[in-house]
Each structure stands twice: as C-alpha cells, then as structure tokens.
C-alpha cells in the first residue's frame, strides 16, 4: 500500500528502518523545494537511486573531484546533444576518464545521493511498492542498516558544521597556516582551498567548486578547526539588481528558429506514478480554436549561427532593436489584470473552501496559468518559487513549474540570450569587486573570460537551467555583461 507524508512526521531514519525491517520492494521518492531524489529497493536492499539535483549529476560530480575540467564537460555535453547516450560513456570515449574509474565514480555518486538525504530535515516523501528496473541507471547493493549507521553519523557531523557556518554568507579567509600535506596532494582539496580568498562566501565556494553541500562544508569545517582558515566577516545580502530600460521583447512572437536537440544530461526518470495528492489539481480551460494547444516545450537552446534571422531573412537583432515590449503596454497589463480577477473569482465561489490548502493552491496555480497565457513566464516562476515553499510535493505544481521553466528557457534563448553569443563583462572584473552579487551571479561573472558562449555557460553551471538563465538575464539587464558574436573559426 502506498505511503506518503513528511520527514517532520516520520524522520528519514524511521522511514528507512520500516522499509528495511519489512523487506519492502518499491521506490522511495523524496522532494524538497524543486529537487526530487528517489531510492530504489528490492526486498529491503537499496539497489539504485536517482536525483535531479544539478550538483549531483555526473558531470558536476566529476568537476567537484577534479576528474575533468569545465571545458571537457562542455565538449562532452555537446557531443551528447540529441544522442541520449550516457555522459560517462562519452567521457570514456574521449579518454577523459578510464572505464574502471567511471564505475567507481558512479558508485560514489549513488552513495552521495543517498547519504545527502540525511541533510534534509524536512521534505515530502512517497513510498510506492512498484519498482521499475529501467529507473536503476547504476545498480548498487546497500543494506539499510549500513546506510542508517553512516547516515546518522553524517547528520551529527552536519549539525556541528551548521553551528559554525550558521549563515551561508559567511566569508572565509586563509590564516597563513599551511594546510596538511594531504590537502596539497589532493586535486579536489586544493581547488577548495584555493577558492578561499577572503572574498567568497560559503555559498560562493559551493558553486565555484561544483561540490555537494556536505563534502564542501565538512572540508571547510576541518580547515577552520585546524586554524588554516578563519571567518573574516559576513557579506551583506545583495540588493535586487536594477535593470536597465527594456530593449528586448517580453512576449513571444512567431519567429521560426531551427529546432535544437537536447543538450543536457539525460534527466532521470520520475519513477513510478506518485500517489494522488490530497490537494486536487486546479481545472484548466479548454483551448479555443484560435489558441495553440498547450504543450510542454523542451528547454533547449536553439541552434544558431552568427546571426539569427526571421522568415524574411532580416537579422533578429534588427527586429529586436525596434521592438516595443508587449508586456509593458497598457492594454496587455489591463488584459492580464482582467484575467487574473476572473480566475480569482472563479476559485472563490465556495465560501467553505476559502481557508483550505487545496483552495489556496488552486488559486495560486490559476494565477500562474493566466500569467503564462500572457507570456509572463518569469513572473510565473517567481510565484511558483513562493508556492513551492508552502505546498511541497504536489504533482500538479511540479508539472506546471516544469512547463513554466521550459517556456521561459525557450523565450530566453530566442530573445534575450541567444545560445551562440559570447557573454563578456562590460568592465574589468577588478572594477566589480566593490559591488555585491548573489552567489549565482558571482559564479557567472567569474566564468566570463570572453571564451564562453551562453550555451556552454548554462551547461556547466551547477544549477537549474531556468535559474542560470534568469541570472544571466539579470546581469545583462543591469549592464554588467553584454553579448557579442563569436569570432570566426
């Protein structure tokens, strides 16, 4: 019988103990914010796992360990485009890693995915007693008792670490004390140590090194305990980036572009069909004959040459230069407001539901659907981020978020951030040091050396595609970066 709840009501150790004792077969799925992880079990033994957390994908996992560099990962992901081949297989063919090393890395990656769940103090879980062998991309054999022992130890370690690094904006600096010899001889450890420069926060170091939270913070904690690094301050929270006057469109237009194959690692399967949420999914309007049928777009950058063109052969840049954003027009604002008002009224017809969680969720989802109908995908994502914090684990929310992210990504690549353009800083990096950036902005800025195009930057970023695109878009609108045509080969 399916089981679902939250880790606050049934902690992960108790949940795993129940599964192991009952020798259950099935898939345990846990979700926090927008991250979903799954553990596959057969007769109470853990036989596989999956995660859609960007830092735990194989490419980021190998980057964090210094096994490959960002350029190698970018080339491998481009080679993978549209072929649905495992990234590890491509890296072996490129001779970037050895076959035996790949097996070892995959095993370590699977274990890290499982043990990272002990860092989650709250999440929604579902256990379904169905197991699809195709979901097990890399087989492991782990006894639940062993996982519990190591997981509880890790949980205790993380609590001590959080007592010291209680704020992600803590800035670390080197004290001048030489690190242990083992650090100097380890590529991953040296990358982490060199990232401590008196400017980066703990969150900045996490992004810069592509590492998992526990591995990075434990290393920093050990260096701090040994007196090799010290807490030098707390970086202020960055103010919202001020955008320049809009010169790019905020609404879609039918400009045919070449379809592009997928450019990311194959997404793990979502696992078995989840238990129906107690929150009913909001009803959606039937499309009218004049409206295109609702679709979920694949969020992949369009393949573009040096200059994108419309149907008449005119450069897209010329078209955009004279574009007046639809979303800023009075008519469009009034239209959105009218639709939002109608949607809210439609969900408030039954007074008894006004205080129910289901009603609140349906109201907000309908608000998002209206915004998406008018091309306001970024505003939709802002609202969905807020909803996720209140209603984790709802399947209708997850599907709508995936659709909104895909729509936003397609629009961003088409209008704001053409995939083949080179992103460059508008001023020297040294001149930006006095400004305060978020960790994601800091990561992007640190990579812009004039050689990375938009497609490659998004591929190597240890974050969700939509989040990376929104970060680049903010930096462009605030005048921190600009886009240029690539140099002829």
Protein backbone atom coordinates (compact mmCIF):
# COMPACT_ATOMS: atom_id res chain seq x y z
CA UNK A 1 0.00 0.00 0.00
CA UNK A 2 1.44 3.43 -0.92
CA UNK A 3 2.69 5.57 1.97
CA UNK A 4 3.21 9.31 1.94
CA UNK A 5 3.92 12.07 4.45
CA UNK A 6 6.66 14.44 5.56
CA UNK A 7 10.01 13.89 7.25
CA UNK A 8 8.78 16.02 10.14
CA UNK A 9 6.07 13.47 10.85
CA UNK A 10 8.26 10.45 10.07
CA UNK A 11 12.04 11.13 10.12
CA UNK A 12 14.16 9.51 7.44
CA UNK A 13 15.89 7.01 9.80
CA UNK A 14 12.49 5.74 10.99
CA UNK A 15 11.24 5.56 7.40
CA UNK A 16 14.25 3.58 6.19
CA UNK A 17 14.10 1.33 9.25
CA UNK A 18 10.47 0.47 8.47
CA UNK A 19 11.31 -0.30 4.83
CA UNK A 20 14.29 -2.45 5.75
CA UNK A 21 12.51 -4.37 8.50
CA UNK A 22 9.51 -5.11 6.28
CA UNK A 23 11.83 -6.17 3.41
CA UNK A 24 9.80 -3.95 1.14
CA UNK A 25 10.24 -3.61 -2.63
CA UNK A 26 9.49 -0.30 -4.29
CA UNK A 27 10.63 3.28 -4.77
CA UNK A 28 11.02 5.86 -2.00
CA UNK A 29 10.67 9.32 -3.52
CA UNK A 30 11.57 12.46 -1.56
CA UNK A 31 11.10 16.05 -2.66
CA UNK A 32 12.31 19.32 -1.18
CA UNK A 33 11.82 22.64 -2.97
CA UNK A 34 12.35 21.72 -6.63
CA UNK A 35 14.70 18.81 -6.02
CA UNK A 36 13.48 15.21 -6.22
CA UNK A 37 15.53 12.19 -5.17
CA UNK A 38 14.49 8.54 -5.28
CA UNK A 39 15.81 5.37 -3.66
CA UNK A 40 15.02 2.03 -5.32
CA UNK A 41 14.72 -1.01 -3.05
CA UNK A 42 14.25 -4.73 -3.58
CA UNK A 43 13.46 -6.93 -0.57
CA UNK A 44 14.65 -4.17 1.75
CA UNK A 45 18.02 -3.77 -0.03
CA UNK A 46 18.90 -0.48 -1.75
CA UNK A 47 19.60 -1.31 -5.40
CA UNK A 48 19.69 2.13 -7.04
CA UNK A 49 18.94 5.81 -6.76
CA UNK A 50 18.15 8.88 -8.84
CA UNK A 51 18.41 12.64 -8.35
CA UNK A 52 17.58 15.72 -10.42
CA UNK A 53 19.71 17.94 -8.19
CA UNK A 54 22.20 19.65 -10.57
CA UNK A 55 25.27 19.36 -8.28
CA UNK A 56 24.71 15.60 -8.05
CA UNK A 57 24.63 14.92 -11.77
CA UNK A 58 27.65 13.03 -13.03
CA UNK A 59 29.23 15.98 -14.82
CA UNK A 60 29.14 18.23 -11.74
CA UNK A 61 30.22 15.31 -9.56
CA UNK A 62 33.35 14.82 -11.67
CA UNK A 63 34.08 18.55 -11.79
CA UNK A 64 33.97 18.76 -8.00
CA UNK A 65 36.56 15.99 -7.72
CA UNK A 66 38.86 17.49 -10.31
CA UNK A 67 38.45 14.42 -12.53
CA UNK A 68 37.55 16.62 -15.51
CA UNK A 69 37.57 20.35 -16.15
CA UNK A 70 34.74 22.61 -17.30
CA UNK A 71 35.94 22.67 -20.91
CA UNK A 72 35.93 18.88 -21.06
CA UNK A 73 32.42 18.72 -19.62
CA UNK A 74 31.19 21.28 -22.13
CA UNK A 75 32.65 19.31 -25.05
CA UNK A 76 31.15 16.05 -23.74
CA UNK A 77 27.70 17.62 -23.35
CA UNK A 78 27.84 18.99 -26.89
CA UNK A 79 28.83 15.52 -28.12
CA UNK A 80 25.87 14.13 -26.19
CA UNK A 81 23.43 16.52 -27.89
CA UNK A 82 20.42 14.64 -29.21
CA UNK A 83 22.02 11.22 -28.85
CA UNK A 84 20.59 10.13 -25.47
CA UNK A 85 23.88 8.45 -24.63
CA UNK A 86 25.18 8.29 -21.06
CA UNK A 87 27.60 11.09 -20.32
CA UNK A 88 30.02 8.66 -18.68
CA UNK A 89 30.26 6.60 -21.85
CA UNK A 90 31.12 9.71 -23.86
CA UNK A 91 33.79 10.78 -21.37
CA UNK A 92 35.39 7.33 -21.60
CA UNK A 93 35.43 7.55 -25.42
CA UNK A 94 37.05 10.98 -25.12
CA UNK A 95 39.66 9.34 -22.85
CA UNK A 96 38.82 11.94 -20.21
CA UNK A 97 38.34 9.14 -17.66
CA UNK A 98 39.14 5.41 -17.56
CA UNK A 99 36.37 2.75 -17.63
CA UNK A 100 37.30 1.41 -14.19
CA UNK A 101 37.30 4.94 -12.80
CA UNK A 102 33.82 5.55 -14.27
CA UNK A 103 32.44 2.56 -12.35
CA UNK A 104 34.00 3.84 -9.15
CA UNK A 105 32.67 7.35 -9.74
CA UNK A 106 29.14 6.11 -10.43
CA UNK A 107 29.17 4.10 -7.22
CA UNK A 108 30.38 7.09 -5.22
CA UNK A 109 27.81 9.32 -6.91
CA UNK A 110 24.99 6.92 -5.98
CA UNK A 111 26.12 6.75 -2.37
CA UNK A 112 26.40 10.55 -2.15
CA UNK A 113 22.84 10.89 -3.48
CA UNK A 114 21.55 8.51 -0.81
CA UNK A 115 23.52 9.93 2.11
CA UNK A 116 22.72 13.53 1.13
CA UNK A 117 19.12 12.80 2.12
CA UNK A 118 20.21 12.82 5.75
CA UNK A 119 20.95 16.54 5.32
CA UNK A 120 17.23 17.10 4.64
CA UNK A 121 15.45 17.98 7.83
CA UNK A 122 12.14 18.44 6.05
CA UNK A 123 10.77 17.01 2.82
CA UNK A 124 7.71 15.31 1.39
CA UNK A 125 8.05 11.57 0.79
CA UNK A 126 6.10 8.90 -1.06
CA UNK A 127 6.77 5.19 -1.00
CA UNK A 128 5.23 3.18 -3.81
CA UNK A 129 5.62 -0.60 -3.81
CA UNK A 130 6.40 -0.70 -7.51
CA UNK A 131 9.96 -0.91 -8.84
CA UNK A 132 10.85 -0.24 -12.45
CA UNK A 133 14.25 -1.76 -13.23
CA UNK A 134 14.73 0.80 -16.01
CA UNK A 135 14.88 3.50 -13.33
CA UNK A 136 18.03 1.94 -11.88
CA UNK A 137 20.67 3.62 -14.05
CA UNK A 138 23.52 2.28 -11.91
CA UNK A 139 23.00 -0.74 -9.67
CA UNK A 140 24.26 -0.74 -6.08
CA UNK A 141 23.83 -3.15 -3.19
CA UNK A 142 23.49 -1.35 0.15
CA UNK A 143 21.95 -2.72 3.32
CA UNK A 144 19.58 -0.29 5.02
CA UNK A 145 21.29 -0.86 8.40
CA UNK A 146 24.65 0.23 6.94
CA UNK A 147 23.09 3.30 5.33
CA UNK A 148 21.41 4.23 8.61
CA UNK A 149 24.68 3.96 10.56
CA UNK A 150 26.64 6.15 8.16
CA UNK A 151 23.70 8.49 7.59
CA UNK A 152 23.16 9.23 11.28
CA UNK A 153 26.90 9.91 11.67
CA UNK A 154 26.70 12.33 8.78
CA UNK A 155 23.65 14.02 10.29
CA UNK A 156 25.50 14.61 13.56
CA UNK A 157 28.51 16.00 11.66
CA UNK A 158 26.29 18.36 9.69
CA UNK A 159 24.74 19.74 12.88
CA UNK A 160 28.20 20.61 14.23
CA UNK A 161 29.15 22.18 10.91
CA UNK A 162 25.99 24.31 10.85
CA UNK A 163 26.73 25.54 14.36
CA UNK A 164 29.94 27.07 12.99
CA UNK A 165 28.77 28.03 9.50
CA UNK A 166 25.37 29.23 10.62
CA UNK A 167 24.98 31.66 7.73
CA UNK A 168 25.67 30.89 4.04
CA UNK A 169 27.03 34.42 3.56
CA UNK A 170 29.93 33.89 5.97
CA UNK A 171 33.22 34.88 4.31
CA UNK A 172 36.30 32.73 4.86
CA UNK A 173 39.96 33.70 4.52
CA UNK A 174 43.25 31.85 4.82
CA UNK A 175 45.18 32.46 8.03
CA UNK A 176 48.63 31.80 6.60
CA UNK A 177 48.92 28.45 8.35
CA UNK A 178 49.97 25.80 5.87
CA UNK A 179 47.33 23.16 5.17
CA UNK A 180 48.12 19.48 5.81
CA UNK A 181 50.20 17.70 3.18
CA UNK A 182 47.18 15.57 2.23
CA UNK A 183 45.41 18.74 1.06
CA UNK A 184 48.32 19.77 -1.13
CA UNK A 185 48.42 16.33 -2.76
CA UNK A 186 44.67 16.15 -3.50
CA UNK A 187 43.34 17.98 -6.56
CA UNK A 188 39.81 18.43 -5.20
CA UNK A 189 41.08 19.59 -1.79
CA UNK A 190 43.45 22.11 -3.39
CA UNK A 191 40.65 23.51 -5.56
CA UNK A 192 38.58 24.08 -2.44
CA UNK A 193 41.49 25.56 -0.50
CA UNK A 194 42.39 27.95 -3.31
CA UNK A 195 38.75 29.09 -3.51
CA UNK A 196 39.11 30.59 -0.02
CA UNK A 197 40.25 34.10 -0.92
CA UNK A 198 38.71 36.39 1.70
CA UNK A 199 36.00 37.44 -0.75
CA UNK A 200 33.94 34.33 -1.41
CA UNK A 201 31.18 33.28 0.93
CA UNK A 202 30.48 29.66 1.85
CA UNK A 203 27.74 29.62 -0.80
CA UNK A 204 30.12 31.14 -3.36
CA UNK A 205 32.65 28.37 -2.70
CA UNK A 206 29.93 25.74 -3.09
CA UNK A 207 29.04 26.99 -6.56
CA UNK A 208 32.63 27.69 -7.61
CA UNK A 209 33.78 24.16 -6.83
CA UNK A 210 30.63 22.36 -8.10
CA UNK A 211 30.65 20.36 -4.86
CA UNK A 212 27.92 18.83 -2.73
CA UNK A 213 26.99 20.78 0.38
CA UNK A 214 28.18 18.20 2.89
CA UNK A 215 31.54 17.44 1.25
CA UNK A 216 32.45 21.11 0.80
CA UNK A 217 31.28 22.30 4.20
CA UNK A 218 32.93 19.41 6.01
CA UNK A 219 36.26 20.22 4.35
CA UNK A 220 35.92 23.92 5.22
CA UNK A 221 34.94 23.00 8.78
CA UNK A 222 38.03 20.81 9.21
CA UNK A 223 40.28 23.60 7.88
CA UNK A 224 38.60 26.04 10.27
CA UNK A 225 39.06 23.68 13.22
CA UNK A 226 42.76 23.29 12.32
CA UNK A 227 43.25 27.07 12.20
CA UNK A 228 44.06 27.05 8.48
CA UNK A 229 41.10 29.29 7.65
CA UNK A 230 39.12 31.80 9.68
CA UNK A 231 35.76 33.52 9.47
CA UNK A 232 36.57 37.05 8.34
CA UNK A 233 33.10 38.54 8.12
CA UNK A 234 29.59 38.36 6.79
CA UNK A 235 28.85 39.61 3.29
CA UNK A 236 25.77 41.78 3.09
CA UNK A 237 22.75 40.47 1.24
CA UNK A 238 22.81 41.86 -2.32
CA UNK A 239 20.13 44.37 -3.21
CA UNK A 240 17.83 43.44 -6.09
CA UNK A 241 19.59 44.02 -9.40
CA UNK A 242 18.33 47.17 -11.08
CA UNK A 243 17.51 46.51 -14.69
CA UNK A 244 18.20 48.95 -17.49
CA UNK A 245 15.27 50.15 -19.62
CA UNK A 246 13.92 47.17 -21.52
CA UNK A 247 15.11 46.94 -25.10
CA UNK A 248 14.24 43.30 -25.63
CA UNK A 249 10.79 41.76 -26.02
CA UNK A 250 8.94 40.31 -23.09
CA UNK A 251 6.35 38.49 -25.16
CA UNK A 252 6.63 35.70 -27.69
CA UNK A 253 6.34 36.13 -31.43
CA UNK A 254 6.29 33.53 -34.14
CA UNK A 255 9.88 33.69 -35.38
CA UNK A 256 10.82 30.25 -36.71
CA UNK A 257 14.15 29.01 -35.45
CA UNK A 258 15.95 25.75 -36.09
CA UNK A 259 14.93 23.15 -33.56
CA UNK A 260 17.72 22.06 -31.30
CA UNK A 261 18.33 18.63 -29.79
CA UNK A 262 18.72 18.16 -26.10
CA UNK A 263 21.99 19.47 -24.66
CA UNK A 264 21.90 18.29 -21.09
CA UNK A 265 22.49 15.04 -19.33
CA UNK A 266 19.53 12.69 -19.75
CA UNK A 267 17.10 13.50 -16.97
CA UNK A 268 16.45 10.66 -14.55
CA UNK A 269 13.08 9.05 -14.77
CA UNK A 270 10.49 10.48 -12.46
CA UNK A 271 9.90 6.98 -11.12
CA UNK A 272 6.55 5.30 -10.61
CA UNK A 273 3.31 7.21 -10.80
CA UNK A 274 3.07 9.04 -7.46
CA UNK A 275 0.19 8.68 -5.04
CA UNK A 276 -2.56 11.14 -5.84
CA UNK A 277 -2.11 14.32 -3.83
CA UNK A 278 -4.82 15.14 -1.30
CA UNK A 279 -4.81 18.57 -2.91
CA UNK A 280 -6.97 18.47 -6.02
CA UNK A 281 -5.43 19.82 -9.18
CA UNK A 282 -6.97 23.04 -10.42
CA UNK A 283 -9.06 22.73 -13.54
CA UNK A 284 -7.69 24.23 -16.75
CA UNK A 285 -9.55 25.98 -19.52
CA UNK A 286 -10.13 24.13 -22.76
CA UNK A 287 -8.13 25.75 -25.58
CA UNK A 288 -10.16 27.75 -28.03
CA UNK A 289 -9.80 27.08 -31.78
CA UNK A 290 -7.66 30.19 -32.08
CA UNK A 291 -5.27 29.20 -29.34
CA UNK A 292 -2.43 26.72 -29.86
CA UNK A 293 -2.82 23.51 -27.84
CA UNK A 294 -0.96 23.60 -24.53
CA UNK A 295 2.41 21.90 -24.80
CA UNK A 296 5.42 21.39 -22.62
CA UNK A 297 8.44 22.63 -24.53
CA UNK A 298 11.84 21.05 -24.28
CA UNK A 299 14.01 23.71 -22.72
CA UNK A 300 16.95 23.54 -25.08
CA UNK A 301 18.77 26.42 -26.72
CA UNK A 302 18.10 26.87 -30.42
CA UNK A 303 20.96 26.14 -32.76
CA UNK A 304 22.05 29.48 -34.11
CA UNK A 305 24.69 30.78 -36.43
CA UNK A 306 26.49 34.10 -36.02
CA UNK A 307 23.19 35.93 -36.63
CA UNK A 308 19.63 34.74 -36.03
CA UNK A 309 17.17 35.68 -38.79
CA UNK A 310 13.41 35.81 -39.19
CA UNK A 311 11.31 34.47 -42.07
CA UNK A 312 12.25 37.40 -44.31
CA UNK A 313 15.95 36.92 -43.76
CA UNK A 314 16.26 40.01 -41.60
CA UNK A 315 18.70 39.76 -38.66
CA UNK A 316 16.89 39.11 -35.40
CA UNK A 317 18.94 41.80 -33.71
CA UNK A 318 17.44 44.43 -36.05
CA UNK A 319 13.96 43.17 -35.32
CA UNK A 320 14.52 43.33 -31.58
CA UNK A 321 16.02 46.81 -31.70
CA UNK A 322 12.65 48.24 -32.76
CA UNK A 323 10.52 46.00 -30.58
CA UNK A 324 8.22 47.58 -28.04
CA UNK A 325 7.68 45.01 -25.30
CA UNK A 326 4.11 43.83 -25.25
CA UNK A 327 4.14 43.17 -21.52
CA UNK A 328 4.80 46.84 -20.78
CA UNK A 329 1.82 48.10 -22.81
CA UNK A 330 -1.25 49.37 -21.01
CA UNK A 331 -3.60 47.08 -22.94
CA UNK A 332 -1.64 43.97 -22.00
CA UNK A 333 -1.44 44.95 -18.33
CA UNK A 334 -5.19 45.53 -18.25
CA UNK A 335 -5.80 42.23 -20.03
CA UNK A 336 -3.69 40.31 -17.53
CA UNK A 337 -5.41 42.05 -14.63
CA UNK A 338 -8.84 41.21 -16.01
CA UNK A 339 -7.94 37.56 -16.49
CA UNK A 340 -6.43 37.35 -13.01
CA UNK A 341 -9.55 38.88 -11.49
CA UNK A 342 -11.73 36.40 -13.36
CA UNK A 343 -9.55 33.48 -12.24
CA UNK A 344 -9.68 34.54 -8.59
CA UNK A 345 -13.45 34.97 -8.68
CA UNK A 346 -13.85 31.53 -10.23
CA UNK A 347 -11.96 29.92 -7.36
CA UNK A 348 -13.87 31.77 -4.64
CA UNK A 349 -17.37 30.54 -5.41
CA UNK A 350 -17.46 28.12 -2.49
CA UNK A 351 -17.03 30.00 0.78
CA UNK A 352 -16.30 26.84 2.75
CA UNK A 353 -13.07 26.30 0.80
CA UNK A 354 -11.61 29.75 1.38
CA UNK A 355 -9.27 28.66 4.16
CA UNK A 356 -8.36 25.23 2.80
CA UNK A 357 -4.88 24.48 1.50
CA UNK A 358 -6.38 22.98 -1.64
CA UNK A 359 -8.25 26.19 -2.39
CA UNK A 360 -5.17 28.34 -1.75
CA UNK A 361 -3.03 26.18 -4.02
CA UNK A 362 -5.61 26.11 -6.81
CA UNK A 363 -5.99 29.89 -6.64
CA UNK A 364 -2.25 30.47 -6.99
CA UNK A 365 -1.89 27.87 -9.77
CA UNK A 366 -4.69 29.52 -11.71
CA UNK A 367 -2.95 32.86 -11.25
CA UNK A 368 0.22 31.33 -12.74
CA UNK A 369 -1.70 29.88 -15.69
CA UNK A 370 -3.12 33.30 -16.51
CA UNK A 371 0.34 34.89 -16.41
CA UNK A 372 1.73 32.13 -18.63
CA UNK A 373 -1.10 32.65 -21.10
CA UNK A 374 0.10 36.25 -21.47
CA UNK A 375 3.77 35.28 -21.83
CA UNK A 376 4.76 36.42 -18.32
CA UNK A 377 6.89 33.36 -17.64
CA UNK A 378 9.43 35.00 -15.34
CA UNK A 379 6.69 36.38 -13.10
CA UNK A 380 5.14 32.92 -13.14
CA UNK A 381 8.41 31.42 -11.88
CA UNK A 382 8.60 33.96 -9.06
CA UNK A 383 5.14 32.91 -7.87
CA UNK A 384 5.92 29.21 -8.29
CA UNK A 385 9.06 29.61 -6.17
CA UNK A 386 6.87 31.04 -3.41
CA UNK A 387 4.24 28.30 -3.78
CA UNK A 388 6.84 25.53 -3.56
CA UNK A 389 7.79 26.69 -0.09
CA UNK A 390 4.18 26.26 1.09
CA UNK A 391 2.99 23.25 -0.90
CA UNK A 392 5.95 20.89 -1.43
CA UNK A 393 5.43 17.66 -3.26
CA UNK A 394 2.22 18.49 -5.17
CA UNK A 395 2.40 16.86 -8.59
CA UNK A 396 0.27 19.47 -10.39
CA UNK A 397 2.60 22.18 -9.03
CA UNK A 398 5.64 20.26 -10.24
CA UNK A 399 4.22 19.82 -13.74
CA UNK A 400 3.26 23.48 -14.04
CA UNK A 401 6.73 24.53 -12.83
CA UNK A 402 8.39 22.32 -15.45
CA UNK A 403 6.19 23.86 -18.14
CA UNK A 404 6.87 27.43 -16.97
CA UNK A 405 10.64 26.80 -16.82
CA UNK A 406 10.64 25.30 -20.31
CA UNK A 407 8.59 28.17 -21.74
CA UNK A 408 10.86 30.74 -20.09
CA UNK A 409 14.02 28.98 -21.31
CA UNK A 410 12.71 28.81 -24.89
CA UNK A 411 11.85 32.51 -24.78
CA UNK A 412 15.17 33.48 -23.18
CA UNK A 413 17.24 31.67 -25.81
CA UNK A 414 15.09 33.17 -28.56
CA UNK A 415 15.12 36.80 -27.47
CA UNK A 416 17.34 37.66 -24.51
CA UNK A 417 20.23 35.20 -24.54
CA UNK A 418 20.93 33.62 -27.96
CA UNK A 419 22.81 30.40 -27.29
CA UNK A 420 25.73 31.09 -29.64
CA UNK A 421 26.50 34.59 -28.35
CA UNK A 422 29.61 35.20 -26.27
CA UNK A 423 28.91 36.70 -22.83
CA UNK A 424 31.53 39.25 -21.76
CA UNK A 425 31.89 41.68 -18.86
CA UNK A 426 31.30 45.35 -19.65
CA UNK A 427 34.09 46.38 -17.26
CA UNK A 428 37.16 44.67 -15.76
CA UNK A 429 36.48 42.16 -13.01
CA UNK A 430 38.54 44.23 -10.57
CA UNK A 431 36.11 47.13 -11.01
CA UNK A 432 33.22 44.90 -9.94
CA UNK A 433 34.76 43.75 -6.66
CA UNK A 434 33.15 46.61 -4.72
CA UNK A 435 29.68 45.53 -5.84
CA UNK A 436 27.64 42.89 -4.05
CA UNK A 437 26.42 39.94 -6.08
CA UNK A 438 24.45 36.84 -5.19
CA UNK A 439 26.35 33.51 -5.25
CA UNK A 440 24.83 32.60 -8.63
CA UNK A 441 25.74 35.99 -10.09
CA UNK A 442 29.25 35.71 -8.68
CA UNK A 443 29.65 32.28 -10.26
CA UNK A 444 28.56 33.52 -13.69
CA UNK A 445 30.77 36.61 -13.55
CA UNK A 446 33.82 34.55 -12.58
CA UNK A 447 33.43 32.43 -15.75
CA UNK A 448 33.16 35.26 -18.27
CA UNK A 449 36.61 35.47 -19.83
CA UNK A 450 35.43 36.10 -23.39
CA UNK A 451 35.61 32.45 -24.45
CA UNK A 452 32.30 31.04 -23.17
CA UNK A 453 29.11 31.27 -25.17
CA UNK A 454 25.73 31.32 -23.46
CA UNK A 455 25.06 27.65 -24.22
CA UNK A 456 28.31 26.49 -22.59
CA UNK A 457 27.92 28.67 -19.50
CA UNK A 458 24.45 27.27 -18.86
CA UNK A 459 25.70 23.70 -19.37
CA UNK A 460 28.49 23.89 -16.80
CA UNK A 461 26.57 25.85 -14.16
CA UNK A 462 25.72 23.73 -11.10
CA UNK A 463 22.14 24.96 -11.03
CA UNK A 464 18.84 24.50 -12.79
CA UNK A 465 18.75 25.76 -16.37
CA UNK A 466 15.98 28.29 -15.69
CA UNK A 467 17.85 29.68 -12.65
CA UNK A 468 21.07 30.04 -14.64
CA UNK A 469 19.25 31.82 -17.45
CA UNK A 470 17.49 34.18 -15.07
CA UNK A 471 20.85 35.04 -13.51
CA UNK A 472 22.44 35.83 -16.87
CA UNK A 473 19.38 37.84 -17.89
CA UNK A 474 19.60 39.97 -14.72
CA UNK A 475 23.30 40.61 -15.31
CA UNK A 476 22.64 41.67 -18.89
CA UNK A 477 19.73 43.93 -17.99
CA UNK A 478 21.78 45.62 -15.26
CA UNK A 479 24.61 46.32 -17.69
CA UNK A 480 27.16 44.02 -16.03
CA UNK A 481 27.52 41.83 -19.13
CA UNK A 482 26.90 42.15 -22.83
CA UNK A 483 26.62 39.65 -25.67
CA UNK A 484 28.88 39.58 -28.72
CA UNK A 485 29.11 37.50 -31.86
CA UNK A 486 31.68 34.68 -31.68
CA UNK A 487 34.95 35.15 -33.52
CA UNK A 488 35.05 33.40 -36.92
CA UNK A 489 36.69 29.99 -36.73
